[in-house]
Amino acid sequence: MYPRPMALATLVAALGISSETALAGNVSAGKQIATDRSRGNCIACHYLPGGQSPGNIGPALVGIQSRYPTKESLMAQIYDATVANPETIMPPFGRHQILSDRELEDVVEYIWSL
């Protein structure tokens, strides 16, 4: 279920993420992207607190810090979930450039806050 440590470390290194301070997104902007049906659209598959008509395909996005020990590990999951689970239906938001680097940082900051 969780990313394999070596694969995660490789992805994080490839992304150039070296510390928690490297990820400093905007929570409000991240929430807007995550709930925007035409942009991030996280809400199509995940429950988000206060979200309208959430999906139930993916896990609820609550208690995130208990599931991902660092922002880097959360970023790696959102950037390319196929590293941890090749069979996932979650789109690789970073690898396929669905979201920009700035948008990814904002989404991570928002989801990390949940």
Foldseek 3Di string as FASTA:
>chain_A
DAFDVVLLVVLLVVVVNDDQVVQDAAQVLLVCQCQDCVANVVQCDEADVPHDPGHPNDYHLPPVCVVAVGLSSVLSCQQPVCNRPVPDPRDNCNVVVSDDPRNSSNNSVNSVVD
